[in-house]
Amino acid sequence: MNNSKEMARLALLTLEDKKGEDIQVIDISEISVLADYFVIASGSNVSQVQAMVDSVQEELYKAGYECKQVEGYKSKNWILLDFGDIIVHVFLREDRLFYDLERIWKDGKFIDPEELKAEK
């Protein structure tokens, strides 16, 4: 498994552990130079969103991956973590519906989270 896919897998597992909702992984490597994967999740309140983000940062750091940039941490309704090869988006539920990243990036390849979790 390549590094970016392993990073996406770790982010997915961590978000699930923090009870993230509707977690999506989109392979955008063929359609964008921004990153290889987007990992998108929702939380039901700002405390959960922050906890999810903090956990993803901590787990990926432990695995040797550095977060290059964080956006939106103070507003807490949409927090973006840029790890270079992957970008993690954590939204409050209603804000995710408004921004609808899945529609914007519909040309990417949606990865089945269960299949990604099973890979090693």
PDB file of N, CA and C in Angstrom:
ATOM      1  N   MET A   1       0.856  -1.176   0.000  1.00  0.00           N
ATOM      2  CA  MET A   1       0.000   0.000   0.000  1.00  0.00           C
ATOM      3  C   MET A   1       0.899   1.234   0.000  1.00  0.00           C
ATOM      4  N   ASN A   2       0.565   2.212  -0.851  1.00  0.00           N
ATOM      5  CA  ASN A   2       1.394   3.420  -0.898  1.00  0.00           C
ATOM      6  C   ASN A   2       1.119   4.314   0.314  1.00  0.00           C
ATOM      7  N   ASN A   3       2.013   5.278   0.536  1.00  0.00           N
ATOM      8  CA  ASN A   3       1.900   6.145   1.717  1.00  0.00           C
ATOM      9  C   ASN A   3       0.592   6.913   1.772  1.00  0.00           C
ATOM     10  N   SER A   4       0.162   7.481   0.645  1.00  0.00           N
ATOM     11  CA  SER A   4      -1.057   8.291   0.681  1.00  0.00           C
ATOM     12  C   SER A   4      -2.276   7.428   1.003  1.00  0.00           C
ATOM     13  N   LYS A   5      -2.317   6.214   0.478  1.00  0.00           N
ATOM     14  CA  LYS A   5      -3.442   5.326   0.764  1.00  0.00           C
ATOM     15  C   LYS A   5      -3.417   4.895   2.227  1.00  0.00           C
ATOM     16  N   GLU A   6      -2.229   4.637   2.758  1.00  0.00           N
ATOM     17  CA  GLU A   6      -2.106   4.285   4.170  1.00  0.00           C
ATOM     18  C   GLU A   6      -2.524   5.465   5.055  1.00  0.00           C
ATOM     19  N   MET A   7      -2.171   6.670   4.663  1.00  0.00           N
ATOM     20  CA  MET A   7      -2.590   7.852   5.413  1.00  0.00           C
ATOM     21  C   MET A   7      -4.114   7.964   5.414  1.00  0.00           C
ATOM     22  N   ALA A   8      -4.729   7.762   4.255  1.00  0.00           N
ATOM     23  CA  ALA A   8      -6.195   7.825   4.148  1.00  0.00           C
ATOM     24  C   ALA A   8      -6.830   6.748   5.026  1.00  0.00           C
ATOM     25  N   ARG A   9      -6.246   5.558   5.021  1.00  0.00           N
ATOM     26  CA  ARG A   9      -6.748   4.453   5.842  1.00  0.00           C
ATOM     27  C   ARG A   9      -6.668   4.802   7.329  1.00  0.00           C
ATOM     28  N   LEU A  10      -5.533   5.338   7.769  1.00  0.00           N
ATOM     29  CA  LEU A  10      -5.382   5.735   9.174  1.00  0.00           C
ATOM     30  C   LEU A  10      -6.380   6.822   9.563  1.00  0.00           C
ATOM     31  N   ALA A  11      -6.567   7.795   8.676  1.00  0.00           N
ATOM     32  CA  ALA A  11      -7.532   8.867   8.945  1.00  0.00           C
ATOM     33  C   ALA A  11      -8.940   8.281   9.069  1.00  0.00           C
ATOM     34  N   LEU A  12      -9.303   7.388   8.154  1.00  0.00           N
ATOM     35  CA  LEU A  12     -10.614   6.744   8.180  1.00  0.00           C
ATOM     36  C   LEU A  12     -10.831   6.006   9.499  1.00  0.00           C
ATOM     37  N   LEU A  13      -9.870   5.188   9.899  1.00  0.00           N
ATOM     38  CA  LEU A  13     -10.001   4.431  11.142  1.00  0.00           C
ATOM     39  C   LEU A  13     -10.124   5.345  12.357  1.00  0.00           C
ATOM     40  N   THR A  14      -9.352   6.411  12.360  1.00  0.00           N
ATOM     41  CA  THR A  14      -9.393   7.353  13.481  1.00  0.00           C
ATOM     42  C   THR A  14     -10.727   8.081  13.542  1.00  0.00           C
ATOM     43  N   LEU A  15     -11.227   8.516  12.387  1.00  0.00           N
ATOM     44  CA  LEU A  15     -12.520   9.198  12.357  1.00  0.00           C
ATOM     45  C   LEU A  15     -13.636   8.262  12.798  1.00  0.00           C
ATOM     46  N   GLU A  16     -13.574   7.013  12.382  1.00  0.00           N
ATOM     47  CA  GLU A  16     -14.572   6.034  12.831  1.00  0.00           C
ATOM     48  C   GLU A  16     -14.508   5.844  14.339  1.00  0.00           C
ATOM     49  N   ASP A  17     -13.293   5.802  14.879  1.00  0.00           N
ATOM     50  CA  ASP A  17     -13.113   5.620  16.309  1.00  0.00           C
ATOM     51  C   ASP A  17     -13.743   6.759  17.108  1.00  0.00           C
ATOM     52  N   LYS A  18     -13.754   7.937  16.530  1.00  0.00           N
ATOM     53  CA  LYS A  18     -14.351   9.113  17.195  1.00  0.00           C
ATOM     54  C   LYS A  18     -15.800   9.326  16.774  1.00  0.00           C
ATOM     55  N   LYS A  19     -16.402   8.287  16.206  1.00  0.00           N
ATOM     56  CA  LYS A  19     -17.823   8.292  15.827  1.00  0.00           C
ATOM     57  C   LYS A  19     -18.153   9.309  14.732  1.00  0.00           C
ATOM     58  N   GLY A  20     -17.198   9.510  13.816  1.00  0.00           N
ATOM     59  CA  GLY A  20     -17.463  10.360  12.667  1.00  0.00           C
ATOM     60  C   GLY A  20     -18.598   9.778  11.838  1.00  0.00           C
ATOM     61  N   GLU A  21     -19.349  10.638  11.214  1.00  0.00           N
ATOM     62  CA  GLU A  21     -20.521  10.222  10.443  1.00  0.00           C
ATOM     63  C   GLU A  21     -20.246  10.321   8.949  1.00  0.00           C
ATOM     64  N   ASP A  22     -20.827   9.409   8.192  1.00  0.00           N
ATOM     65  CA  ASP A  22     -20.800   9.421   6.722  1.00  0.00           C
ATOM     66  C   ASP A  22     -19.386   9.695   6.182  1.00  0.00           C
ATOM     67  N   ILE A  23     -18.444   8.875   6.584  1.00  0.00           N
ATOM     68  CA  ILE A  23     -17.049   9.070   6.182  1.00  0.00           C
ATOM     69  C   ILE A  23     -16.863   8.613   4.739  1.00  0.00           C
ATOM     70  N   GLN A  24     -16.321   9.490   3.918  1.00  0.00           N
ATOM     71  CA  GLN A  24     -16.081   9.206   2.512  1.00  0.00           C
ATOM     72  C   GLN A  24     -14.592   9.378   2.209  1.00  0.00           C
ATOM     73  N   VAL A  25     -14.082   8.510   1.356  1.00  0.00           N
ATOM     74  CA  VAL A  25     -12.706   8.628   0.872  1.00  0.00           C
ATOM     75  C   VAL A  25     -12.784   8.719  -0.646  1.00  0.00           C
ATOM     76  N   ILE A  26     -12.211   9.787  -1.189  1.00  0.00           N
ATOM     77  CA  ILE A  26     -12.253  10.007  -2.633  1.00  0.00           C
ATOM     78  C   ILE A  26     -10.827  10.072  -3.162  1.00  0.00           C
ATOM     79  N   ASP A  27     -10.540   9.220  -4.137  1.00  0.00           N
ATOM     80  CA  ASP A  27      -9.245   9.242  -4.819  1.00  0.00           C
ATOM     81  C   ASP A  27      -9.328  10.322  -5.895  1.00  0.00           C
ATOM     82  N   ILE A  28      -8.580  11.401  -5.697  1.00  0.00           N
ATOM     83  CA  ILE A  28      -8.603  12.515  -6.660  1.00  0.00           C
ATOM     84  C   ILE A  28      -7.292  12.614  -7.428  1.00  0.00           C
ATOM     85  N   SER A  29      -6.449  11.578  -7.317  1.00  0.00           N
ATOM     86  CA  SER A  29      -5.113  11.632  -7.914  1.00  0.00           C
ATOM     87  C   SER A  29      -5.136  11.789  -9.432  1.00  0.00           C
ATOM     88  N   GLU A  30      -6.176  11.290 -10.083  1.00  0.00           N
ATOM     89  CA  GLU A  30      -6.255  11.363 -11.541  1.00  0.00           C
ATOM     90  C   GLU A  30      -6.842  12.683 -12.046  1.00  0.00           C
ATOM     91  N   ILE A  31      -7.441  13.457 -11.129  1.00  0.00           N
ATOM     92  CA  ILE A  31      -8.135  14.672 -11.578  1.00  0.00           C
ATOM     93  C   ILE A  31      -7.613  15.959 -10.941  1.00  0.00           C
ATOM     94  N   SER A  32      -6.652  15.846 -10.017  1.00  0.00           N
ATOM     95  CA  SER A  32      -6.161  17.038  -9.323  1.00  0.00           C
ATOM     96  C   SER A  32      -4.718  16.853  -8.869  1.00  0.00           C
ATOM     97  N   VAL A  33      -4.010  17.972  -8.783  1.00  0.00           N
ATOM     98  CA  VAL A  33      -2.659  17.952  -8.233  1.00  0.00           C
ATOM     99  C   VAL A  33      -2.656  18.351  -6.755  1.00  0.00           C
ATOM    100  N   LEU A  34      -3.831  18.648  -6.198  1.00  0.00           N
ATOM    101  CA  LEU A  34      -3.922  19.063  -4.801  1.00  0.00           C
ATOM    102  C   LEU A  34      -3.466  17.977  -3.837  1.00  0.00           C
ATOM    103  N   ALA A  35      -3.898  16.751  -4.108  1.00  0.00           N
ATOM    104  CA  ALA A  35      -3.618  15.628  -3.215  1.00  0.00           C
ATOM    105  C   ALA A  35      -4.006  14.346  -3.942  1.00  0.00           C
ATOM    106  N   ASP A  36      -3.737  13.220  -3.285  1.00  0.00           N
ATOM    107  CA  ASP A  36      -4.170  11.935  -3.838  1.00  0.00           C
ATOM    108  C   ASP A  36      -5.561  11.551  -3.336  1.00  0.00           C
ATOM    109  N   TYR A  37      -5.840  11.906  -2.085  1.00  0.00           N
ATOM    110  CA  TYR A  37      -7.116  11.516  -1.481  1.00  0.00           C
ATOM    111  C   TYR A  37      -7.725  12.662  -0.686  1.00  0.00           C
ATOM    112  N   PHE A  38      -9.045  12.731  -0.713  1.00  0.00           N
ATOM    113  CA  PHE A  38      -9.822  13.526   0.224  1.00  0.00           C
ATOM    114  C   PHE A  38     -10.482  12.525   1.171  1.00  0.00           C
ATOM    115  N   VAL A  39     -10.434  12.823   2.452  1.00  0.00           N
ATOM    116  CA  VAL A  39     -11.186  12.066   3.443  1.00  0.00           C
ATOM    117  C   VAL A  39     -12.158  13.068   4.050  1.00  0.00           C
ATOM    118  N   ILE A  40     -13.449  12.757   3.974  1.00  0.00           N
ATOM    119  CA  ILE A  40     -14.495  13.695   4.396  1.00  0.00           C
ATOM    120  C   ILE A  40     -15.354  13.022   5.459  1.00  0.00           C
ATOM    121  N   ALA A  41     -15.619  13.754   6.539  1.00  0.00           N
ATOM    122  CA  ALA A  41     -16.453  13.216   7.613  1.00  0.00           C
ATOM    123  C   ALA A  41     -17.262  14.340   8.244  1.00  0.00           C
ATOM    124  N   SER A  42     -18.318  13.946   8.953  1.00  0.00           N
ATOM    125  CA  SER A  42     -19.169  14.895   9.667  1.00  0.00           C
ATOM    126  C   SER A  42     -19.179  14.572  11.147  1.00  0.00           C
ATOM    127  N   GLY A  43     -19.408  15.622  11.925  1.00  0.00           N
ATOM    128  CA  GLY A  43     -19.630  15.476  13.352  1.00  0.00           C
ATOM    129  C   GLY A  43     -20.929  16.164  13.711  1.00  0.00           C
ATOM    130  N   SER A  44     -21.506  15.786  14.836  1.00  0.00           N
ATOM    131  CA  SER A  44     -22.809  16.330  15.209  1.00  0.00           C
ATOM    132  C   SER A  44     -22.717  17.625  16.011  1.00  0.00           C
ATOM    133  N   ASN A  45     -21.524  17.936  16.565  1.00  0.00           N
ATOM    134  CA  ASN A  45     -21.356  19.186  17.306  1.00  0.00           C
ATOM    135  C   ASN A  45     -19.890  19.623  17.238  1.00  0.00           C
ATOM    136  N   VAL A  46     -19.619  20.856  17.638  1.00  0.00           N
ATOM    137  CA  VAL A  46     -18.267  21.395  17.490  1.00  0.00           C
ATOM    138  C   VAL A  46     -17.238  20.647  18.346  1.00  0.00           C
ATOM    139  N   SER A  47     -17.645  20.161  19.508  1.00  0.00           N
ATOM    140  CA  SER A  47     -16.720  19.406  20.350  1.00  0.00           C
ATOM    141  C   SER A  47     -16.300  18.115  19.657  1.00  0.00           C
ATOM    142  N   GLN A  48     -17.232  17.439  19.027  1.00  0.00           N
ATOM    143  CA  GLN A  48     -16.907  16.209  18.312  1.00  0.00           C
ATOM    144  C   GLN A  48     -16.010  16.504  17.118  1.00  0.00           C
ATOM    145  N   VAL A  49     -16.322  17.563  16.377  1.00  0.00           N
ATOM    146  CA  VAL A  49     -15.500  17.930  15.219  1.00  0.00           C
ATOM    147  C   VAL A  49     -14.059  18.173  15.659  1.00  0.00           C
ATOM    148  N   GLN A  50     -13.873  18.941  16.723  1.00  0.00           N
ATOM    149  CA  GLN A  50     -12.522  19.204  17.220  1.00  0.00           C
ATOM    150  C   GLN A  50     -11.832  17.929  17.700  1.00  0.00           C
ATOM    151  N   ALA A  51     -12.553  17.074  18.388  1.00  0.00           N
ATOM    152  CA  ALA A  51     -11.972  15.822  18.874  1.00  0.00           C
ATOM    153  C   ALA A  51     -11.546  14.936  17.707  1.00  0.00           C
ATOM    154  N   MET A  52     -12.344  14.896  16.658  1.00  0.00           N
ATOM    155  CA  MET A  52     -12.011  14.102  15.478  1.00  0.00           C
ATOM    156  C   MET A  52     -10.730  14.627  14.838  1.00  0.00           C
ATOM    157  N   VAL A  53     -10.652  15.932  14.682  1.00  0.00           N
ATOM    158  CA  VAL A  53      -9.480  16.561  14.065  1.00  0.00           C
ATOM    159  C   VAL A  53      -8.233  16.335  14.911  1.00  0.00           C
ATOM    160  N   ASP A  54      -8.354  16.555  16.205  1.00  0.00           N
ATOM    161  CA  ASP A  54      -7.207  16.352  17.101  1.00  0.00           C
ATOM    162  C   ASP A  54      -6.705  14.912  17.029  1.00  0.00           C
ATOM    163  N   SER A  55      -7.620  13.966  16.988  1.00  0.00           N
ATOM    164  CA  SER A  55      -7.240  12.556  16.934  1.00  0.00           C
ATOM    165  C   SER A  55      -6.558  12.193  15.622  1.00  0.00           C
ATOM    166  N   VAL A  56      -7.083  12.704  14.514  1.00  0.00           N
ATOM    167  CA  VAL A  56      -6.453  12.431  13.217  1.00  0.00           C
ATOM    168  C   VAL A  56      -5.035  12.987  13.200  1.00  0.00           C
ATOM    169  N   GLN A  57      -4.860  14.214  13.672  1.00  0.00           N
ATOM    170  CA  GLN A  57      -3.519  14.795  13.718  1.00  0.00           C
ATOM    171  C   GLN A  57      -2.582  13.942  14.571  1.00  0.00           C
ATOM    172  N   GLU A  58      -3.048  13.525  15.725  1.00  0.00           N
ATOM    173  CA  GLU A  58      -2.216  12.752  16.636  1.00  0.00           C
ATOM    174  C   GLU A  58      -1.849  11.389  16.041  1.00  0.00           C
ATOM    175  N   GLU A  59      -2.822  10.676  15.499  1.00  0.00           N
ATOM    176  CA  GLU A  59      -2.558   9.336  14.966  1.00  0.00           C
ATOM    177  C   GLU A  59      -1.641   9.372  13.741  1.00  0.00           C
ATOM    178  N   LEU A  60      -1.858  10.332  12.859  1.00  0.00           N
ATOM    179  CA  LEU A  60      -0.990  10.413  11.692  1.00  0.00           C
ATOM    180  C   LEU A  60       0.413  10.867  12.084  1.00  0.00           C
ATOM    181  N   TYR A  61       0.518  11.737  13.079  1.00  0.00           N
ATOM    182  CA  TYR A  61       1.827  12.152  13.584  1.00  0.00           C
ATOM    183  C   TYR A  61       2.582  10.946  14.163  1.00  0.00           C
ATOM    184  N   LYS A  62       1.877  10.129  14.936  1.00  0.00           N
ATOM    185  CA  LYS A  62       2.497   8.927  15.515  1.00  0.00           C
ATOM    186  C   LYS A  62       3.005   7.993  14.415  1.00  0.00           C
ATOM    187  N   ALA A  63       2.318   7.986  13.276  1.00  0.00           N
ATOM    188  CA  ALA A  63       2.704   7.121  12.162  1.00  0.00           C
ATOM    189  C   ALA A  63       3.787   7.764  11.297  1.00  0.00           C
ATOM    190  N   GLY A  64       4.203   8.991  11.667  1.00  0.00           N
ATOM    191  CA  GLY A  64       5.297   9.639  10.954  1.00  0.00           C
ATOM    192  C   GLY A  64       4.877  10.626   9.881  1.00  0.00           C
ATOM    193  N   TYR A  65       3.600  11.004   9.868  1.00  0.00           N
ATOM    194  CA  TYR A  65       3.099  11.946   8.864  1.00  0.00           C
ATOM    195  C   TYR A  65       2.823  13.300   9.516  1.00  0.00           C
ATOM    196  N   GLU A  66       3.346  14.335   8.888  1.00  0.00           N
ATOM    197  CA  GLU A  66       3.220  15.685   9.446  1.00  0.00           C
ATOM    198  C   GLU A  66       2.098  16.452   8.757  1.00  0.00           C
ATOM    199  N   CYS A  67       1.286  17.106   9.560  1.00  0.00           N
ATOM    200  CA  CYS A  67       0.237  17.969   9.020  1.00  0.00           C
ATOM    201  C   CYS A  67       0.893  19.277   8.582  1.00  0.00           C
ATOM    202  N   LYS A  68       0.726  19.614   7.323  1.00  0.00           N
ATOM    203  CA  LYS A  68       1.372  20.802   6.768  1.00  0.00           C
ATOM    204  C   LYS A  68       0.590  22.083   7.030  1.00  0.00           C
ATOM    205  N   GLN A  69      -0.734  21.938   7.125  1.00  0.00           N
ATOM    206  CA  GLN A  69      -1.552  23.127   7.351  1.00  0.00           C
ATOM    207  C   GLN A  69      -2.912  22.727   7.923  1.00  0.00           C
ATOM    208  N   VAL A  70      -3.434  23.586   8.797  1.00  0.00           N
ATOM    209  CA  VAL A  70      -4.766  23.410   9.369  1.00  0.00           C
ATOM    210  C   VAL A  70      -5.548  24.681   9.087  1.00  0.00           C
ATOM    211  N   GLU A  71      -6.754  24.528   8.580  1.00  0.00           N
ATOM    212  CA  GLU A  71      -7.628  25.670   8.325  1.00  0.00           C
ATOM    213  C   GLU A  71      -8.957  25.459   9.036  1.00  0.00           C
ATOM    214  N   GLY A  72      -9.512  26.521   9.600  1.00  0.00           N
ATOM    215  CA  GLY A  72     -10.854  26.482  10.165  1.00  0.00           C
ATOM    216  C   GLY A  72     -10.958  25.986  11.594  1.00  0.00           C
ATOM    217  N   TYR A  73      -9.831  25.789  12.267  1.00  0.00           N
ATOM    218  CA  TYR A  73      -9.885  25.221  13.613  1.00  0.00           C
ATOM    219  C   TYR A  73     -10.648  26.124  14.589  1.00  0.00           C
ATOM    220  N   LYS A  74     -10.520  27.416  14.423  1.00  0.00           N
ATOM    221  CA  LYS A  74     -11.214  28.341  15.339  1.00  0.00           C
ATOM    222  C   LYS A  74     -12.711  28.388  15.078  1.00  0.00           C
ATOM    223  N   SER A  75     -13.118  28.309  13.815  1.00  0.00           N
ATOM    224  CA  SER A  75     -14.550  28.382  13.501  1.00  0.00           C
ATOM    225  C   SER A  75     -15.260  27.067  13.817  1.00  0.00           C
ATOM    226  N   LYS A  76     -14.554  25.952  13.695  1.00  0.00           N
ATOM    227  CA  LYS A  76     -15.018  24.612  14.087  1.00  0.00           C
ATOM    228  C   LYS A  76     -16.172  24.062  13.248  1.00  0.00           C
ATOM    229  N   ASN A  77     -16.619  24.743  12.206  1.00  0.00           N
ATOM    230  CA  ASN A  77     -17.708  24.185  11.409  1.00  0.00           C
ATOM    231  C   ASN A  77     -17.205  23.423  10.186  1.00  0.00           C
ATOM    232  N   TRP A  78     -15.977  23.735   9.728  1.00  0.00           N
ATOM    233  CA  TRP A  78     -15.318  22.993   8.670  1.00  0.00           C
ATOM    234  C   TRP A  78     -13.823  23.119   8.925  1.00  0.00           C
ATOM    235  N   ILE A  79     -13.211  22.033   9.320  1.00  0.00           N
ATOM    236  CA  ILE A  79     -11.778  22.039   9.590  1.00  0.00           C
ATOM    237  C   ILE A  79     -11.091  21.188   8.530  1.00  0.00           C
ATOM    238  N   LEU A  80     -10.058  21.758   7.945  1.00  0.00           N
ATOM    239  CA  LEU A  80      -9.299  21.091   6.898  1.00  0.00           C
ATOM    240  C   LEU A  80      -7.901  20.799   7.414  1.00  0.00           C
ATOM    241  N   LEU A  81      -7.471  19.556   7.256  1.00  0.00           N
ATOM    242  CA  LEU A  81      -6.109  19.147   7.611  1.00  0.00           C
ATOM    243  C   LEU A  81      -5.397  18.761   6.324  1.00  0.00           C
ATOM    244  N   ASP A  82      -4.319  19.456   6.010  1.00  0.00           N
ATOM    245  CA  ASP A  82      -3.565  19.182   4.789  1.00  0.00           C
ATOM    246  C   ASP A  82      -2.301  18.418   5.154  1.00  0.00           C
ATOM    247  N   PHE A  83      -2.270  17.156   4.763  1.00  0.00           N
ATOM    248  CA  PHE A  83      -1.096  16.315   4.998  1.00  0.00           C
ATOM    249  C   PHE A  83      -0.266  16.161   3.729  1.00  0.00           C
ATOM    250  N   GLY A  84      -0.534  16.986   2.731  1.00  0.00           N
ATOM    251  CA  GLY A  84       0.195  16.906   1.474  1.00  0.00           C
ATOM    252  C   GLY A  84      -0.443  15.907   0.530  1.00  0.00           C
ATOM    253  N   ASP A  85      -0.290  14.612   0.822  1.00  0.00           N
ATOM    254  CA  ASP A  85      -0.843  13.571  -0.040  1.00  0.00           C
ATOM    255  C   ASP A  85      -2.325  13.326   0.194  1.00  0.00           C
ATOM    256  N   ILE A  86      -2.801  13.667   1.387  1.00  0.00           N
ATOM    257  CA  ILE A  86      -4.236  13.581   1.659  1.00  0.00           C
ATOM    258  C   ILE A  86      -4.695  14.875   2.312  1.00  0.00           C
ATOM    259  N   ILE A  87      -5.959  15.167   2.105  1.00  0.00           N
ATOM    260  CA  ILE A  87      -6.587  16.311   2.774  1.00  0.00           C
ATOM    261  C   ILE A  87      -7.810  15.775   3.496  1.00  0.00           C
ATOM    262  N   VAL A  88      -7.880  16.048   4.786  1.00  0.00           N
ATOM    263  CA  VAL A  88      -8.985  15.588   5.614  1.00  0.00           C
ATOM    264  C   VAL A  88      -9.906  16.782   5.866  1.00  0.00           C
ATOM    265  N   HIS A  89     -11.188  16.595   5.560  1.00  0.00           N
ATOM    266  CA  HIS A  89     -12.208  17.619   5.779  1.00  0.00           C
ATOM    267  C   HIS A  89     -13.161  17.099   6.851  1.00  0.00           C
ATOM    268  N   VAL A  90     -13.307  17.836   7.950  1.00  0.00           N
ATOM    269  CA  VAL A  90     -14.249  17.451   8.993  1.00  0.00           C
ATOM    270  C   VAL A  90     -15.235  18.603   9.170  1.00  0.00           C
ATOM    271  N   PHE A  91     -16.492  18.280   8.978  1.00  0.00           N
ATOM    272  CA  PHE A  91     -17.568  19.273   8.977  1.00  0.00           C
ATOM    273  C   PHE A  91     -18.553  19.047  10.114  1.00  0.00           C
ATOM    274  N   LEU A  92     -19.208  20.132  10.518  1.00  0.00           N
ATOM    275  CA  LEU A  92     -20.480  19.990  11.216  1.00  0.00           C
ATOM    276  C   LEU A  92     -21.474  19.483  10.169  1.00  0.00           C
ATOM    277  N   ARG A  93     -22.386  18.643  10.581  1.00  0.00           N
ATOM    278  CA  ARG A  93     -23.305  17.969   9.657  1.00  0.00           C
ATOM    279  C   ARG A  93     -23.975  18.939   8.676  1.00  0.00           C
ATOM    280  N   GLU A  94     -24.538  20.018   9.183  1.00  0.00           N
ATOM    281  CA  GLU A  94     -25.286  20.944   8.309  1.00  0.00           C
ATOM    282  C   GLU A  94     -24.371  21.705   7.338  1.00  0.00           C
ATOM    283  N   ASP A  95     -23.151  21.989   7.765  1.00  0.00           N
ATOM    284  CA  ASP A  95     -22.206  22.672   6.875  1.00  0.00           C
ATOM    285  C   ASP A  95     -21.745  21.743   5.754  1.00  0.00           C
ATOM    286  N   ARG A  96     -21.604  20.480   6.060  1.00  0.00           N
ATOM    287  CA  ARG A  96     -21.222  19.529   5.013  1.00  0.00           C
ATOM    288  C   ARG A  96     -22.286  19.467   3.925  1.00  0.00           C
ATOM    289  N   LEU A  97     -23.530  19.463   4.325  1.00  0.00           N
ATOM    290  CA  LEU A  97     -24.617  19.456   3.340  1.00  0.00           C
ATOM    291  C   LEU A  97     -24.564  20.709   2.476  1.00  0.00           C
ATOM    292  N   PHE A  98     -24.245  21.838   3.076  1.00  0.00           N
ATOM    293  CA  PHE A  98     -24.185  23.103   2.332  1.00  0.00           C
ATOM    294  C   PHE A  98     -23.056  23.095   1.310  1.00  0.00           C
ATOM    295  N   TYR A  99     -21.859  22.688   1.706  1.00  0.00           N
ATOM    296  CA  TYR A  99     -20.699  22.745   0.807  1.00  0.00           C
ATOM    297  C   TYR A  99     -20.652  21.586  -0.188  1.00  0.00           C
ATOM    298  N   ASP A 100     -21.184  20.436   0.180  1.00  0.00           N
ATOM    299  CA  ASP A 100     -21.366  19.296  -0.720  1.00  0.00           C
ATOM    300  C   ASP A 100     -20.118  18.976  -1.550  1.00  0.00           C
ATOM    301  N   LEU A 101     -19.000  18.732  -0.873  1.00  0.00           N
ATOM    302  CA  LEU A 101     -17.741  18.421  -1.562  1.00  0.00           C
ATOM    303  C   LEU A 101     -17.852  17.174  -2.438  1.00  0.00           C
ATOM    304  N   GLU A 102     -18.669  16.216  -2.019  1.00  0.00           N
ATOM    305  CA  GLU A 102     -18.813  14.997  -2.811  1.00  0.00           C
ATOM    306  C   GLU A 102     -19.342  15.306  -4.211  1.00  0.00           C
ATOM    307  N   ARG A 103     -20.241  16.271  -4.322  1.00  0.00           N
ATOM    308  CA  ARG A 103     -20.767  16.657  -5.630  1.00  0.00           C
ATOM    309  C   ARG A 103     -19.686  17.367  -6.440  1.00  0.00           C
ATOM    310  N   ILE A 104     -18.950  18.248  -5.793  1.00  0.00           N
ATOM    311  CA  ILE A 104     -17.906  19.006  -6.488  1.00  0.00           C
ATOM    312  C   ILE A 104     -16.808  18.069  -7.008  1.00  0.00           C
ATOM    313  N   TRP A 105     -16.489  17.029  -6.257  1.00  0.00           N
ATOM    314  CA  TRP A 105     -15.411  16.097  -6.623  1.00  0.00           C
ATOM    315  C   TRP A 105     -15.962  14.767  -7.136  1.00  0.00           C
ATOM    316  N   LYS A 106     -17.141  14.801  -7.731  1.00  0.00           N
ATOM    317  CA  LYS A 106     -17.799  13.581  -8.197  1.00  0.00           C
ATOM    318  C   LYS A 106     -17.015  12.846  -9.286  1.00  0.00           C
ATOM    319  N   ASP A 107     -16.082  13.527  -9.953  1.00  0.00           N
ATOM    320  CA  ASP A 107     -15.262  12.873 -10.969  1.00  0.00           C
ATOM    321  C   ASP A 107     -14.138  12.044 -10.366  1.00  0.00           C
ATOM    322  N   GLY A 108     -13.935  12.161  -9.054  1.00  0.00           N
ATOM    323  CA  GLY A 108     -12.946  11.326  -8.384  1.00  0.00           C
ATOM    324  C   GLY A 108     -13.491   9.921  -8.201  1.00  0.00           C
ATOM    325  N   LYS A 109     -12.625   9.023  -7.769  1.00  0.00           N
ATOM    326  CA  LYS A 109     -13.018   7.633  -7.545  1.00  0.00           C
ATOM    327  C   LYS A 109     -13.358   7.464  -6.067  1.00  0.00           C
ATOM    328  N   PHE A 110     -14.621   7.145  -5.791  1.00  0.00           N
ATOM    329  CA  PHE A 110     -15.049   6.945  -4.411  1.00  0.00           C
ATOM    330  C   PHE A 110     -14.588   5.554  -3.960  1.00  0.00           C
ATOM    331  N   ILE A 111     -13.861   5.525  -2.857  1.00  0.00           N
ATOM    332  CA  ILE A 111     -13.289   4.294  -2.329  1.00  0.00           C
ATOM    333  C   ILE A 111     -14.236   3.727  -1.262  1.00  0.00           C
ATOM    334  N   ASP A 112     -14.508   2.447  -1.349  1.00  0.00           N
ATOM    335  CA  ASP A 112     -15.332   1.788  -0.342  1.00  0.00           C
ATOM    336  C   ASP A 112     -14.551   1.757   0.971  1.00  0.00           C
ATOM    337  N   PRO A 113     -15.071   2.414   2.021  1.00  0.00           N
ATOM    338  CA  PRO A 113     -14.337   2.456   3.297  1.00  0.00           C
ATOM    339  C   PRO A 113     -14.037   1.063   3.857  1.00  0.00           C
ATOM    340  N   GLU A 114     -14.953   0.118   3.680  1.00  0.00           N
ATOM    341  CA  GLU A 114     -14.721  -1.225   4.202  1.00  0.00           C
ATOM    342  C   GLU A 114     -13.544  -1.906   3.490  1.00  0.00           C
ATOM    343  N   GLU A 115     -13.435  -1.700   2.184  1.00  0.00           N
ATOM    344  CA  GLU A 115     -12.320  -2.279   1.446  1.00  0.00           C
ATOM    345  C   GLU A 115     -10.997  -1.630   1.862  1.00  0.00           C
ATOM    346  N   LEU A 116     -11.027  -0.322   2.058  1.00  0.00           N
ATOM    347  CA  LEU A 116      -9.809   0.383   2.469  1.00  0.00           C
ATOM    348  C   LEU A 116      -9.363  -0.083   3.852  1.00  0.00           C
ATOM    349  N   LYS A 117     -10.301  -0.259   4.765  1.00  0.00           N
ATOM    350  CA  LYS A 117      -9.956  -0.717   6.111  1.00  0.00           C
ATOM    351  C   LYS A 117      -9.337  -2.111   6.084  1.00  0.00           C
ATOM    352  N   ALA A 118      -9.761  -2.936   5.145  1.00  0.00           N
ATOM    353  CA  ALA A 118      -9.283  -4.315   5.063  1.00  0.00           C
ATOM    354  C   ALA A 118      -7.880  -4.419   4.475  1.00  0.00           C
ATOM    355  N   GLU A 119      -7.443  -3.374   3.755  1.00  0.00           N
ATOM    356  CA  GLU A 119      -6.116  -3.416   3.123  1.00  0.00           C
ATOM    357  C   GLU A 119      -5.020  -3.247   4.151  1.00  0.00           C
ATOM    358  N   LYS A 120      -3.895  -3.844   3.850  1.00  0.00           N
ATOM    359  CA  LYS A 120      -2.698  -3.675   4.697  1.00  0.00           C
ATOM    360  C   LYS A 120      -1.511  -3.375   3.856  1.00  0.00           C
TER     361      LYS A 120
END
